[in-house]
């Protein structure tokens, strides 16, 4: 153990300094708390009338300016919203038109029949159906004649 000239060890001095520091911190905390409590209880000085009026005018001006800025922002937001909706509609129209064109091109590429070709094929089918009906009538007529001739041959 190291000792000083006064007969106190270094560890004892350190412990004493620690204890003094701790007690000093506690004392400062109490002083701060007491000062805060005193400040809270102390009456607050009133503002002079001219300063109070100036404060009210400033608050009124700030409130009016806030309302004006809010109105301007609302108007601008409505304009931007309208512009965005218009642009969206234009873009959708463009996309729909391009999609229709692409579908038409794809239809032509894969050999899809357009309305004119379908109409032409429909006319051809109708003509063929009429010819088949005529052939059936002729066959019925021939078959009738053959039946009439068979009893005579027998």
C-alpha atoms as a PDB file:
ATOM      1  CA  UNK A   1       0.000   0.000   0.000  1.00  0.00           C
ATOM      2  CA  UNK A   2       1.305   3.429  -0.944  1.00  0.00           C
ATOM      3  CA  UNK A   3       1.171   6.050   1.797  1.00  0.00           C
ATOM      4  CA  UNK A   4       1.490   9.762   1.571  1.00  0.00           C
ATOM      5  CA  UNK A   5       3.394  12.030   3.952  1.00  0.00           C
ATOM      6  CA  UNK A   6       0.212  12.603   5.969  1.00  0.00           C
ATOM      7  CA  UNK A   7      -0.196   8.921   6.680  1.00  0.00           C
ATOM      8  CA  UNK A   8      -3.240   8.383   4.396  1.00  0.00           C
ATOM      9  CA  UNK A   9      -3.096   5.741   1.711  1.00  0.00           C
ATOM     10  CA  UNK A  10      -3.684   6.560  -1.946  1.00  0.00           C
ATOM     11  CA  UNK A  11      -6.746   4.300  -2.036  1.00  0.00           C
ATOM     12  CA  UNK A  12      -8.262   6.184   0.898  1.00  0.00           C
ATOM     13  CA  UNK A  13      -7.685   9.488  -0.903  1.00  0.00           C
ATOM     14  CA  UNK A  14      -9.333   8.110  -4.055  1.00  0.00           C
ATOM     15  CA  UNK A  15     -12.344   6.814  -2.115  1.00  0.00           C
ATOM     16  CA  UNK A  16     -12.657  10.172  -0.379  1.00  0.00           C
ATOM     17  CA  UNK A  17     -12.537  12.051  -3.713  1.00  0.00           C
ATOM     18  CA  UNK A  18     -15.197   9.715  -5.152  1.00  0.00           C
ATOM     19  CA  UNK A  19     -17.435  10.264  -2.149  1.00  0.00           C
ATOM     20  CA  UNK A  20     -16.976  14.064  -2.354  1.00  0.00           C
ATOM     21  CA  UNK A  21     -17.729  14.038  -6.091  1.00  0.00           C
ATOM     22  CA  UNK A  22     -20.903  12.004  -5.523  1.00  0.00           C
ATOM     23  CA  UNK A  23     -22.075  14.262  -2.714  1.00  0.00           C
ATOM     24  CA  UNK A  24     -21.289  17.329  -4.863  1.00  0.00           C
ATOM     25  CA  UNK A  25     -23.392  15.938  -7.741  1.00  0.00           C
ATOM     26  CA  UNK A  26     -26.305  15.273  -5.375  1.00  0.00           C
ATOM     27  CA  UNK A  27     -25.997  18.811  -3.974  1.00  0.00           C
ATOM     28  CA  UNK A  28     -26.002  20.322  -7.513  1.00  0.00           C
ATOM     29  CA  UNK A  29     -29.075  18.259  -8.438  1.00  0.00           C
ATOM     30  CA  UNK A  30     -30.917  19.620  -5.375  1.00  0.00           C
ATOM     31  CA  UNK A  31     -29.894  23.194  -6.220  1.00  0.00           C
ATOM     32  CA  UNK A  32     -31.084  22.800  -9.840  1.00  0.00           C
ATOM     33  CA  UNK A  33     -34.421  21.333  -8.717  1.00  0.00           C
ATOM     34  CA  UNK A  34     -34.949  24.120  -6.178  1.00  0.00           C
ATOM     35  CA  UNK A  35     -34.122  26.769  -8.822  1.00  0.00           C
ATOM     36  CA  UNK A  36     -36.585  25.202 -11.266  1.00  0.00           C
ATOM     37  CA  UNK A  37     -39.352  25.163  -8.653  1.00  0.00           C
ATOM     38  CA  UNK A  38     -38.681  28.796  -7.753  1.00  0.00           C
ATOM     39  CA  UNK A  39     -38.774  29.817 -11.418  1.00  0.00           C
ATOM     40  CA  UNK A  40     -42.109  28.039 -11.883  1.00  0.00           C
ATOM     41  CA  UNK A  41     -43.660  29.830  -8.902  1.00  0.00           C
ATOM     42  CA  UNK A  42     -42.352  33.255  -9.819  1.00  0.00           C
ATOM     43  CA  UNK A  43     -44.938  35.503 -11.462  1.00  0.00           C
ATOM     44  CA  UNK A  44     -44.380  36.074 -15.133  1.00  0.00           C
ATOM     45  CA  UNK A  45     -44.207  39.641 -16.211  1.00  0.00           C
ATOM     46  CA  UNK A  46     -47.033  40.714 -18.500  1.00  0.00           C
ATOM     47  CA  UNK A  47     -46.216  41.991 -21.928  1.00  0.00           C
ATOM     48  CA  UNK A  48     -46.848  45.655 -22.536  1.00  0.00           C
ATOM     49  CA  UNK A  49     -50.161  46.335 -24.294  1.00  0.00           C
ATOM     50  CA  UNK A  50     -48.452  47.362 -27.532  1.00  0.00           C
ATOM     51  CA  UNK A  51     -46.536  44.069 -27.650  1.00  0.00           C
ATOM     52  CA  UNK A  52     -49.697  42.072 -26.918  1.00  0.00           C
ATOM     53  CA  UNK A  53     -51.512  43.903 -29.743  1.00  0.00           C
ATOM     54  CA  UNK A  54     -48.572  43.363 -32.074  1.00  0.00           C
ATOM     55  CA  UNK A  55     -48.639  39.680 -31.153  1.00  0.00           C
ATOM     56  CA  UNK A  56     -52.377  39.465 -31.929  1.00  0.00           C
ATOM     57  CA  UNK A  57     -51.866  41.251 -35.260  1.00  0.00           C
ATOM     58  CA  UNK A  58     -49.037  38.897 -36.128  1.00  0.00           C
ATOM     59  CA  UNK A  59     -51.165  35.863 -35.247  1.00  0.00           C
ATOM     60  CA  UNK A  60     -54.064  37.224 -37.334  1.00  0.00           C
ATOM     61  CA  UNK A  61     -51.747  37.903 -40.269  1.00  0.00           C
ATOM     62  CA  UNK A  62     -50.232  34.442 -39.973  1.00  0.00           C
ATOM     63  CA  UNK A  63     -53.678  32.850 -39.838  1.00  0.00           C
ATOM     64  CA  UNK A  64     -54.839  34.807 -42.926  1.00  0.00           C
ATOM     65  CA  UNK A  65     -51.661  34.001 -44.816  1.00  0.00           C
ATOM     66  CA  UNK A  66     -51.996  30.343 -43.850  1.00  0.00           C
ATOM     67  CA  UNK A  67     -55.558  30.289 -45.178  1.00  0.00           C
ATOM     68  CA  UNK A  68     -54.499  32.069 -48.389  1.00  0.00           C
ATOM     69  CA  UNK A  69     -51.637  29.652 -48.977  1.00  0.00           C
ATOM     70  CA  UNK A  70     -53.987  26.728 -48.287  1.00  0.00           C
ATOM     71  CA  UNK A  71     -56.482  28.072 -50.849  1.00  0.00           C
ATOM     72  CA  UNK A  72     -53.738  28.577 -53.429  1.00  0.00           C
ATOM     73  CA  UNK A  73     -52.386  25.091 -52.804  1.00  0.00           C
ATOM     74  CA  UNK A  74     -55.865  23.580 -53.078  1.00  0.00           C
ATOM     75  CA  UNK A  75     -56.460  25.414 -56.380  1.00  0.00           C
ATOM     76  CA  UNK A  76     -53.094  24.332 -57.751  1.00  0.00           C
ATOM     77  CA  UNK A  77     -53.647  20.729 -56.646  1.00  0.00           C
ATOM     78  CA  UNK A  78     -57.033  20.726 -58.408  1.00  0.00           C
ATOM     79  CA  UNK A  79     -55.423  22.076 -61.595  1.00  0.00           C
ATOM     80  CA  UNK A  80     -52.658  19.499 -61.472  1.00  0.00           C
ATOM     81  CA  UNK A  81     -55.182  16.736 -60.786  1.00  0.00           C
ATOM     82  CA  UNK A  82     -57.246  17.835 -63.788  1.00  0.00           C
ATOM     83  CA  UNK A  83     -54.134  17.971 -65.983  1.00  0.00           C
ATOM     84  CA  UNK A  84     -53.058  14.528 -64.814  1.00  0.00           C
ATOM     85  CA  UNK A  85     -56.497  13.040 -65.469  1.00  0.00           C
ATOM     86  CA  UNK A  86     -56.582  14.599 -68.940  1.00  0.00           C
ATOM     87  CA  UNK A  87     -53.106  13.284 -69.711  1.00  0.00           C
ATOM     88  CA  UNK A  88     -54.073   9.834 -68.351  1.00  0.00           C
ATOM     89  CA  UNK A  89     -57.139   9.767 -70.627  1.00  0.00           C
ATOM     90  CA  UNK A  90     -55.012  10.778 -73.608  1.00  0.00           C
ATOM     91  CA  UNK A  91     -52.470   8.090 -72.834  1.00  0.00           C
ATOM     92  CA  UNK A  92     -55.180   5.468 -72.404  1.00  0.00           C
ATOM     93  CA  UNK A  93     -56.689   6.476 -75.756  1.00  0.00           C
ATOM     94  CA  UNK A  94     -53.302   6.209 -77.421  1.00  0.00           C
ATOM     95  CA  UNK A  95     -52.627   2.830 -75.841  1.00  0.00           C
ATOM     96  CA  UNK A  96     -56.078   1.527 -76.851  1.00  0.00           C
ATOM     97  CA  UNK A  97     -55.576   2.734 -80.434  1.00  0.00           C
ATOM     98  CA  UNK A  98     -52.147   1.128 -80.633  1.00  0.00           C
ATOM     99  CA  UNK A  99     -53.535  -2.088 -79.148  1.00  0.00           C
ATOM    100  CA  UNK A 100     -56.314  -2.178 -81.764  1.00  0.00           C
ATOM    101  CA  UNK A 101     -53.794  -1.620 -84.564  1.00  0.00           C
ATOM    102  CA  UNK A 102     -51.524  -4.317 -83.182  1.00  0.00           C
ATOM    103  CA  UNK A 103     -54.461  -6.736 -82.932  1.00  0.00           C
ATOM    104  CA  UNK A 104     -55.459  -5.996 -86.529  1.00  0.00           C
ATOM    105  CA  UNK A 105     -51.909  -6.537 -87.733  1.00  0.00           C
ATOM    106  CA  UNK A 106     -51.661  -9.748 -85.747  1.00  0.00           C
ATOM    107  CA  UNK A 107     -54.967 -10.915 -87.188  1.00  0.00           C
ATOM    108  CA  UNK A 108     -53.751 -10.285 -90.720  1.00  0.00           C
ATOM    109  CA  UNK A 109     -50.437 -11.971 -89.997  1.00  0.00           C
ATOM    110  CA  UNK A 110     -52.016 -15.186 -88.755  1.00  0.00           C
ATOM    111  CA  UNK A 111     -54.384 -15.264 -91.684  1.00  0.00           C
ATOM    112  CA  UNK A 112     -57.537 -14.195 -89.911  1.00  0.00           C
ATOM    113  CA  UNK A 113     -60.327 -13.480 -92.390  1.00  0.00           C
ATOM    114  CA  UNK A 114     -61.549  -9.930 -92.485  1.00  0.00           C
ATOM    115  CA  UNK A 115     -65.222  -9.009 -92.931  1.00  0.00           C
ATOM    116  CA  UNK A 116     -65.017  -8.864 -96.725  1.00  0.00           C
ATOM    117  CA  UNK A 117     -63.505 -12.344 -97.009  1.00  0.00           C
ATOM    118  CA  UNK A 118     -66.121 -13.774 -94.627  1.00  0.00           C
ATOM    119  CA  UNK A 119     -68.902 -12.243 -96.732  1.00  0.00           C
ATOM    120  CA  UNK A 120     -67.400 -13.709 -99.912  1.00  0.00           C
ATOM    121  CA  UNK A 121     -67.126 -17.168 -98.368  1.00  0.00           C
ATOM    122  CA  UNK A 122     -70.698 -16.918 -97.092  1.00  0.00           C
ATOM    123  CA  UNK A 123     -71.947 -16.200-100.627  1.00  0.00           C
ATOM    124  CA  UNK A 124     -69.991 -19.181-101.956  1.00  0.00           C
ATOM    125  CA  UNK A 125     -71.460 -21.489 -99.295  1.00  0.00           C
ATOM    126  CA  UNK A 126     -74.971 -20.257-100.103  1.00  0.00           C
ATOM    127  CA  UNK A 127     -74.376 -20.944-103.803  1.00  0.00           C
ATOM    128  CA  UNK A 128     -73.069 -24.435-103.039  1.00  0.00           C
ATOM    129  CA  UNK A 129     -76.086 -25.150-100.815  1.00  0.00           C
ATOM    130  CA  UNK A 130     -78.416 -24.141-103.679  1.00  0.00           C
ATOM    131  CA  UNK A 131     -76.549 -26.397-106.105  1.00  0.00           C
ATOM    132  CA  UNK A 132     -76.724 -29.332-103.674  1.00  0.00           C
ATOM    133  CA  UNK A 133     -80.489 -28.756-103.262  1.00  0.00           C
ATOM    134  CA  UNK A 134     -80.892 -28.713-107.068  1.00  0.00           C
ATOM    135  CA  UNK A 135     -78.889 -31.945-107.421  1.00  0.00           C
ATOM    136  CA  UNK A 136     -81.048 -33.553-104.709  1.00  0.00           C
ATOM    137  CA  UNK A 137     -84.215 -32.578-106.628  1.00  0.00           C
ATOM    138  CA  UNK A 138     -82.768 -34.016-109.840  1.00  0.00           C
ATOM    139  CA  UNK A 139     -81.782 -37.239-108.069  1.00  0.00           C
ATOM    140  CA  UNK A 140     -85.265 -37.505-106.566  1.00  0.00           C
ATOM    141  CA  UNK A 141     -86.755 -36.994-110.015  1.00  0.00           C
ATOM    142  CA  UNK A 142     -84.441 -39.585-111.589  1.00  0.00           C
ATOM    143  CA  UNK A 143     -85.122 -42.041-108.806  1.00  0.00           C
ATOM    144  CA  UNK A 144     -88.881 -41.533-109.297  1.00  0.00           C
ATOM    145  CA  UNK A 145     -88.552 -42.173-113.027  1.00  0.00           C
ATOM    146  CA  UNK A 146     -86.498 -45.305-112.400  1.00  0.00           C
ATOM    147  CA  UNK A 147     -89.121 -46.649-110.034  1.00  0.00           C
ATOM    148  CA  UNK A 148     -91.831 -46.023-112.619  1.00  0.00           C
ATOM    149  CA  UNK A 149     -89.847 -47.791-115.332  1.00  0.00           C
ATOM    150  CA  UNK A 150     -89.066 -50.846-113.221  1.00  0.00           C
ATOM    151  CA  UNK A 151     -92.656 -52.107-112.865  1.00  0.00           C
ATOM    152  CA  UNK A 152     -93.099 -51.810-116.614  1.00  0.00           C
ATOM    153  CA  UNK A 153     -89.988 -53.908-117.226  1.00  0.00           C
ATOM    154  CA  UNK A 154     -91.163 -56.635-114.936  1.00  0.00           C
END
